[in-house]
C-alpha atoms as a PDB file:
ATOM      1  CA  ILE A   1     -39.507 -60.245  60.748  1.00  0.00           C
ATOM      2  CA  ALA A   2     -38.072 -60.557  64.240  1.00  0.00           C
ATOM      3  CA  GLU A   3     -35.163 -58.379  65.297  1.00  0.00           C
ATOM      4  CA  PRO A   4     -31.803 -60.216  65.388  1.00  0.00           C
ATOM      5  CA  ALA A   5     -30.841 -61.285  68.904  1.00  0.00           C
ATOM      6  CA  PHE A   6     -27.274 -60.002  68.453  1.00  0.00           C
ATOM      7  CA  ALA A   7     -25.494 -57.287  66.505  1.00  0.00           C
ATOM      8  CA  VAL A   8     -21.980 -58.139  65.334  1.00  0.00           C
ATOM      9  CA  LYS A   9     -19.726 -55.270  64.278  1.00  0.00           C
ATOM     10  CA  GLY A  10     -16.014 -55.888  63.846  1.00  0.00           C
ATOM     11  CA  GLY A  11     -14.879 -57.769  66.939  1.00  0.00           C
ATOM     12  CA  ASP A  12     -17.814 -56.601  69.081  1.00  0.00           C
ATOM     13  CA  VAL A  13     -21.015 -58.524  69.785  1.00  0.00           C
ATOM     14  CA  THR A  14     -23.972 -56.735  71.378  1.00  0.00           C
ATOM     15  CA  ARG A  15     -27.017 -58.534  72.797  1.00  0.00           C
ATOM     16  CA  LYS A  16     -30.181 -56.880  71.436  1.00  0.00           C
ATOM     17  CA  VAL A  17     -32.794 -59.249  72.878  1.00  0.00           C
ATOM     18  CA  GLY A  18     -32.983 -59.593  76.684  1.00  0.00           C
ATOM     19  CA  GLU A  19     -32.597 -63.333  77.352  1.00  0.00           C
ATOM     20  CA  ALA A  20     -30.777 -64.269  74.146  1.00  0.00           C
ATOM     21  CA  ASP A  21     -27.743 -66.479  74.685  1.00  0.00           C
ATOM     22  CA  TRP A  22     -24.615 -67.079  72.624  1.00  0.00           C
ATOM     23  CA  GLU A  23     -23.253 -70.635  72.823  1.00  0.00           C
ATOM     24  CA  GLU A  24     -19.752 -71.018  71.429  1.00  0.00           C
ATOM     25  CA  GLY A  25     -19.752 -74.831  71.302  1.00  0.00           C
ATOM     26  CA  GLY A  26     -20.070 -74.855  67.502  1.00  0.00           C
ATOM     27  CA  PHE A  27     -17.072 -72.598  66.860  1.00  0.00           C
ATOM     28  CA  GLY A  28     -15.074 -71.908  70.050  1.00  0.00           C
ATOM     29  CA  LYS A  29     -12.441 -74.635  69.647  1.00  0.00           C
ATOM     30  CA  GLY A  30     -11.849 -73.694  66.028  1.00  0.00           C
ATOM     31  CA  ALA A  31     -11.367 -70.011  66.845  1.00  0.00           C
ATOM     32  CA  ALA A  32      -8.883 -70.884  69.607  1.00  0.00           C
ATOM     33  CA  LEU A  33      -6.956 -73.280  67.344  1.00  0.00           C
ATOM     34  CA  ASP A  34      -6.661 -70.718  64.527  1.00  0.00           C
ATOM     35  CA  ARG A  35      -5.372 -68.148  67.026  1.00  0.00           C
ATOM     36  CA  ALA A  36      -2.770 -70.625  68.333  1.00  0.00           C
ATOM     37  CA  LEU A  37      -1.604 -71.487  64.799  1.00  0.00           C
ATOM     38  CA  ARG A  38      -1.288 -67.786  63.931  1.00  0.00           C
ATOM     39  CA  ALA A  39       0.813 -67.232  67.068  1.00  0.00           C
ATOM     40  CA  VAL A  40       3.449 -69.735  65.925  1.00  0.00           C
ATOM     41  CA  ALA A  41       3.233 -69.027  62.180  1.00  0.00           C
ATOM     42  CA  ALA A  42       6.070 -66.490  62.203  1.00  0.00           C
ATOM     43  CA  GLY A  43       8.503 -68.967  63.739  1.00  0.00           C
ATOM     44  CA  ASP A  44      10.027 -72.008  62.134  1.00  0.00           C
ATOM     45  CA  VAL A  45       8.002 -74.350  64.341  1.00  0.00           C
ATOM     46  CA  ARG A  46       5.830 -77.315  63.368  1.00  0.00           C
ATOM     47  CA  VAL A  47       2.740 -77.445  65.571  1.00  0.00           C
ATOM     48  CA  VAL A  48       0.117 -80.149  65.996  1.00  0.00           C
ATOM     49  CA  ILE A  49      -2.644 -79.333  68.496  1.00  0.00           C
ATOM     50  CA  ASN A  50      -5.467 -81.617  69.606  1.00  0.00           C
ATOM     51  CA  LEU A  51      -8.056 -79.550  71.455  1.00  0.00           C
ATOM     52  CA  GLY A  52     -10.978 -81.627  72.639  1.00  0.00           C
ATOM     53  CA  GLY A  53     -10.810 -83.932  69.634  1.00  0.00           C
ATOM     54  CA  GLN A  54     -10.341 -81.241  66.990  1.00  0.00           C
ATOM     55  CA  LEU A  55      -6.911 -81.446  65.369  1.00  0.00           C
ATOM     56  CA  ALA A  56      -5.057 -78.434  63.940  1.00  0.00           C
ATOM     57  CA  VAL A  57      -1.759 -78.705  62.080  1.00  0.00           C
ATOM     58  CA  SER A  58       0.601 -75.960  60.913  1.00  0.00           C
ATOM     59  CA  GLN A  59       2.071 -76.248  57.414  1.00  0.00           C
ATOM     60  CA  GLY A  60       4.678 -78.997  57.060  1.00  0.00           C
ATOM     61  CA  SER A  61       5.236 -82.681  56.581  1.00  0.00           C
ATOM     62  CA  PRO A  62       2.096 -84.836  56.922  1.00  0.00           C
ATOM     63  CA  VAL A  63       0.756 -85.927  60.292  1.00  0.00           C
ATOM     64  CA  ARG A  64      -1.237 -89.153  60.610  1.00  0.00           C
ATOM     65  CA  THR A  65      -4.490 -89.047  62.526  1.00  0.00           C
ATOM     66  CA  ASP A  66      -7.103 -91.700  63.101  1.00  0.00           C
ATOM     67  CA  LEU A  67     -10.816 -91.164  62.614  1.00  0.00           C
ATOM     68  CA  GLY A  68     -11.965 -94.415  64.149  1.00  0.00           C
ATOM     69  CA  SER A  69     -10.602 -97.158  61.899  1.00  0.00           C
ATOM     70  CA  LEU A  70      -9.658 -94.673  59.156  1.00  0.00           C
ATOM     71  CA  SER A  71      -6.060 -93.374  59.018  1.00  0.00           C
ATOM     72  CA  LEU A  72      -5.672 -89.977  57.373  1.00  0.00           C
ATOM     73  CA  SER A  73      -2.511 -87.936  56.716  1.00  0.00           C
ATOM     74  CA  ILE A  74      -2.796 -84.161  56.724  1.00  0.00           C
ATOM     75  CA  ASP A  75      -0.111 -81.549  56.087  1.00  0.00           C
ATOM     76  CA  ARG A  76      -1.997 -78.428  57.226  1.00  0.00           C
ATOM     77  CA  GLY A  77      -5.374 -77.211  58.387  1.00  0.00           C
ATOM     78  CA  SER A  78      -7.819 -78.769  60.772  1.00  0.00           C
ATOM     79  CA  ILE A  79     -10.122 -81.744  61.193  1.00  0.00           C
ATOM     80  CA  SER A  80     -13.288 -81.370  63.239  1.00  0.00           C
ATOM     81  CA  THR A  81     -15.780 -84.174  63.916  1.00  0.00           C
ATOM     82  CA  SER A  82     -19.433 -83.876  64.910  1.00  0.00           C
ATOM     83  CA  GLY A  83     -21.892 -86.514  66.015  1.00  0.00           C
ATOM     84  CA  HIS A  84     -24.117 -87.542  68.889  1.00  0.00           C
ATOM     85  CA  ASP A  85     -21.701 -90.189  70.266  1.00  0.00           C
ATOM     86  CA  HIS A  86     -20.533 -88.371  73.384  1.00  0.00           C
ATOM     87  CA  ARG A  87     -23.561 -86.168  74.055  1.00  0.00           C
ATOM     88  CA  PRO A  88     -26.684 -87.667  72.456  1.00  0.00           C
ATOM     89  CA  GLY A  89     -29.109 -85.045  71.182  1.00  0.00           C
ATOM     90  CA  HIS A  90     -26.833 -82.018  71.654  1.00  0.00           C
ATOM     91  CA  ILE A  91     -26.698 -81.047  67.964  1.00  0.00           C
ATOM     92  CA  LEU A  92     -29.947 -79.278  67.185  1.00  0.00           C
ATOM     93  CA  ASP A  93     -31.547 -78.742  63.802  1.00  0.00           C
ATOM     94  CA  PRO A  94     -32.364 -75.019  63.726  1.00  0.00           C
ATOM     95  CA  THR A  95     -35.320 -75.623  61.390  1.00  0.00           C
ATOM     96  CA  THR A  96     -37.105 -77.791  63.961  1.00  0.00           C
ATOM     97  CA  GLY A  97     -35.434 -77.011  67.283  1.00  0.00           C
ATOM     98  CA  ARG A  98     -35.081 -80.762  67.819  1.00  0.00           C
ATOM     99  CA  PRO A  99     -31.934 -82.916  67.803  1.00  0.00           C
ATOM    100  CA  ALA A 100     -30.499 -83.518  64.340  1.00  0.00           C
ATOM    101  CA  ARG A 101     -30.887 -87.027  62.956  1.00  0.00           C
ATOM    102  CA  ASP A 102     -28.208 -89.315  64.373  1.00  0.00           C
ATOM    103  CA  PHE A 103     -26.630 -91.020  61.357  1.00  0.00           C
ATOM    104  CA  GLY A 104     -23.126 -91.463  62.807  1.00  0.00           C
ATOM    105  CA  GLN A 105     -20.232 -89.031  62.537  1.00  0.00           C
ATOM    106  CA  LEU A 106     -19.154 -86.366  60.081  1.00  0.00           C
ATOM    107  CA  SER A 107     -15.611 -84.969  59.947  1.00  0.00           C
ATOM    108  CA  VAL A 108     -14.522 -81.884  58.017  1.00  0.00           C
ATOM    109  CA  TRP A 109     -10.987 -81.073  56.901  1.00  0.00           C
ATOM    110  CA  THR A 110     -10.219 -77.562  55.675  1.00  0.00           C
ATOM    111  CA  ASP A 111      -7.464 -74.945  56.048  1.00  0.00           C
ATOM    112  CA  SER A 112      -9.225 -72.991  58.813  1.00  0.00           C
ATOM    113  CA  ALA A 113      -9.916 -74.590  62.208  1.00  0.00           C
ATOM    114  CA  LEU A 114     -12.793 -72.150  62.774  1.00  0.00           C
ATOM    115  CA  ARG A 115     -14.342 -73.089  59.453  1.00  0.00           C
ATOM    116  CA  ALA A 116     -13.872 -76.832  60.117  1.00  0.00           C
ATOM    117  CA  ASP A 117     -15.505 -76.484  63.557  1.00  0.00           C
ATOM    118  CA  CYS A 118     -18.518 -74.580  62.224  1.00  0.00           C
ATOM    119  CA  LEU A 119     -18.946 -76.745  59.134  1.00  0.00           C
ATOM    120  CA  SER A 120     -18.732 -80.078  60.944  1.00  0.00           C
ATOM    121  CA  THR A 121     -21.758 -79.072  63.027  1.00  0.00           C
ATOM    122  CA  GLY A 122     -23.727 -77.451  60.193  1.00  0.00           C
ATOM    123  CA  LEU A 123     -23.061 -80.216  57.683  1.00  0.00           C
ATOM    124  CA  TYR A 124     -23.921 -82.856  60.283  1.00  0.00           C
ATOM    125  CA  VAL A 125     -27.353 -81.246  60.640  1.00  0.00           C
ATOM    126  CA  MET A 126     -27.783 -81.411  56.847  1.00  0.00           C
ATOM    127  CA  GLY A 127     -27.150 -85.172  56.806  1.00  0.00           C
ATOM    128  CA  PRO A 128     -24.626 -87.060  54.654  1.00  0.00           C
ATOM    129  CA  LYS A 129     -26.385 -86.732  51.310  1.00  0.00           C
ATOM    130  CA  ARG A 130     -26.825 -82.951  51.436  1.00  0.00           C
ATOM    131  CA  ALA A 131     -23.428 -82.484  53.140  1.00  0.00           C
ATOM    132  CA  PHE A 132     -21.570 -84.251  50.324  1.00  0.00           C
ATOM    133  CA  ALA A 133     -23.587 -82.339  47.711  1.00  0.00           C
ATOM    134  CA  TRP A 134     -22.554 -79.093  49.431  1.00  0.00           C
ATOM    135  CA  SER A 135     -18.903 -80.176  49.627  1.00  0.00           C
ATOM    136  CA  LEU A 136     -18.795 -80.923  45.895  1.00  0.00           C
ATOM    137  CA  ARG A 137     -19.549 -77.220  45.349  1.00  0.00           C
ATOM    138  CA  HIS A 138     -16.808 -76.234  47.862  1.00  0.00           C
ATOM    139  CA  PRO A 139     -13.686 -78.177  46.862  1.00  0.00           C
ATOM    140  CA  ASP A 140     -11.617 -76.705  49.722  1.00  0.00           C
ATOM    141  CA  VAL A 141     -13.827 -78.601  52.197  1.00  0.00           C
ATOM    142  CA  GLN A 142     -13.286 -82.362  52.476  1.00  0.00           C
ATOM    143  CA  LEU A 143     -15.557 -84.781  54.331  1.00  0.00           C
ATOM    144  CA  VAL A 144     -15.330 -88.158  56.016  1.00  0.00           C
ATOM    145  CA  VAL A 145     -18.634 -89.723  57.118  1.00  0.00           C
ATOM    146  CA  ARG A 146     -19.161 -92.818  59.229  1.00  0.00           C
ATOM    147  CA  SER A 147     -22.735 -94.056  58.856  1.00  0.00           C
ATOM    148  CA  GLY A 148     -24.324 -97.466  59.297  1.00  0.00           C
ATOM    149  CA  GLY A 149     -20.927 -99.107  59.756  1.00  0.00           C
ATOM    150  CA  GLU A 150     -19.672 -97.729  56.429  1.00  0.00           C
ATOM    151  CA  LEU A 151     -17.066 -95.052  55.694  1.00  0.00           C
ATOM    152  CA  TYR A 152     -17.439 -92.405  52.993  1.00  0.00           C
ATOM    153  CA  ALA A 153     -14.904 -89.728  52.018  1.00  0.00           C
ATOM    154  CA  SER A 154     -14.448 -86.895  49.560  1.00  0.00           C
ATOM    155  CA  CYS A 155     -12.631 -88.119  46.460  1.00  0.00           C
ATOM    156  CA  THR A 156      -9.817 -85.601  46.885  1.00  0.00           C
ATOM    157  CA  LEU A 157      -8.852 -87.266  50.201  1.00  0.00           C
ATOM    158  CA  LYS A 158      -7.995 -90.527  48.428  1.00  0.00           C
ATOM    159  CA  SER A 159      -4.237 -89.889  48.431  1.00  0.00           C
ATOM    160  CA  LYS A 160      -4.343 -88.993  52.148  1.00  0.00           C
ATOM    161  CA  ILE A 161      -6.182 -92.130  53.319  1.00  0.00           C
ATOM    162  CA  GLU A 162      -4.033 -95.146  54.141  1.00  0.00           C
ATOM    163  CA  ASN A 163      -6.691 -97.883  54.266  1.00  0.00           C
ATOM    164  CA  GLN A 164      -8.622 -96.994  51.103  1.00  0.00           C
ATOM    165  CA  LYS A 165     -10.290-100.381  50.543  1.00  0.00           C
ATOM    166  CA  GLN A 166     -12.760 -99.837  53.369  1.00  0.00           C
ATOM    167  CA  VAL A 167     -13.862 -96.383  52.101  1.00  0.00           C
ATOM    168  CA  HIS A 168     -16.520 -95.397  49.561  1.00  0.00           C
ATOM    169  CA  PHE A 169     -15.208 -92.294  47.792  1.00  0.00           C
ATOM    170  CA  ILE A 170     -17.639 -89.567  46.785  1.00  0.00           C
ATOM    171  CA  CYS A 171     -16.342 -88.090  43.528  1.00  0.00           C
ATOM    172  CA  GLY A 172     -19.554 -86.725  42.031  1.00  0.00           C
ATOM    173  CA  VAL A 173     -23.330 -86.473  42.283  1.00  0.00           C
ATOM    174  CA  ASP A 174     -23.798 -90.016  40.964  1.00  0.00           C
ATOM    175  CA  ASP A 175     -21.821 -91.392  43.921  1.00  0.00           C
ATOM    176  CA  ILE A 176     -24.043 -89.481  46.346  1.00  0.00           C
ATOM    177  CA  SER A 177     -27.178 -90.986  44.779  1.00  0.00           C
ATOM    178  CA  THR A 178     -25.655 -94.463  44.855  1.00  0.00           C
ATOM    179  CA  TYR A 179     -24.668 -94.432  48.525  1.00  0.00           C
ATOM    180  CA  PHE A 180     -27.247 -92.212  50.211  1.00  0.00           C
ATOM    181  CA  LYS A 181     -30.937 -92.850  49.722  1.00  0.00           C
ATOM    182  CA  GLU A 182     -32.387 -90.526  52.403  1.00  0.00           C
ATOM    183  CA  SER A 183     -34.422 -87.649  51.033  1.00  0.00           C
ATOM    184  CA  THR A 184     -32.732 -84.861  52.991  1.00  0.00           C
END
């Protein structure tokens, strides 16, 4: 077993392998957004921050955001979207070292911006079928997927989506099998 490239202890990260690199693209925006929301949490201020396409919202009345043609209202937390649209091939599958399959876009909504940022990348690599299966086991994580011209969303987002008729809602394993035929 190879030695880990980094040691993480508390807030310190130590490089243990000479040329190893740490790329914060999969979590940096989320960490910054969570820090910003914590900074204003003590005050009586409503904050909505859009940092490079990732949206973070402090607790309060709902804010409408658009994910392409889908309008979604959120009252807290963060939405992060991953896909190859802007930088084709930049999301790598760690099991192969090659770009993850480009199926469209995957957005994650959860209470933590850091978690949304990390999960949107990781779940994108898994593909829609496995991502929705994972999200069914983690009800605090909601997904919106755009694939092949179709929109799919976690069932619990139904009340937050304005234009519901154009969305296939994933409410259980049977829905996953119906809509997604890929093997992985």
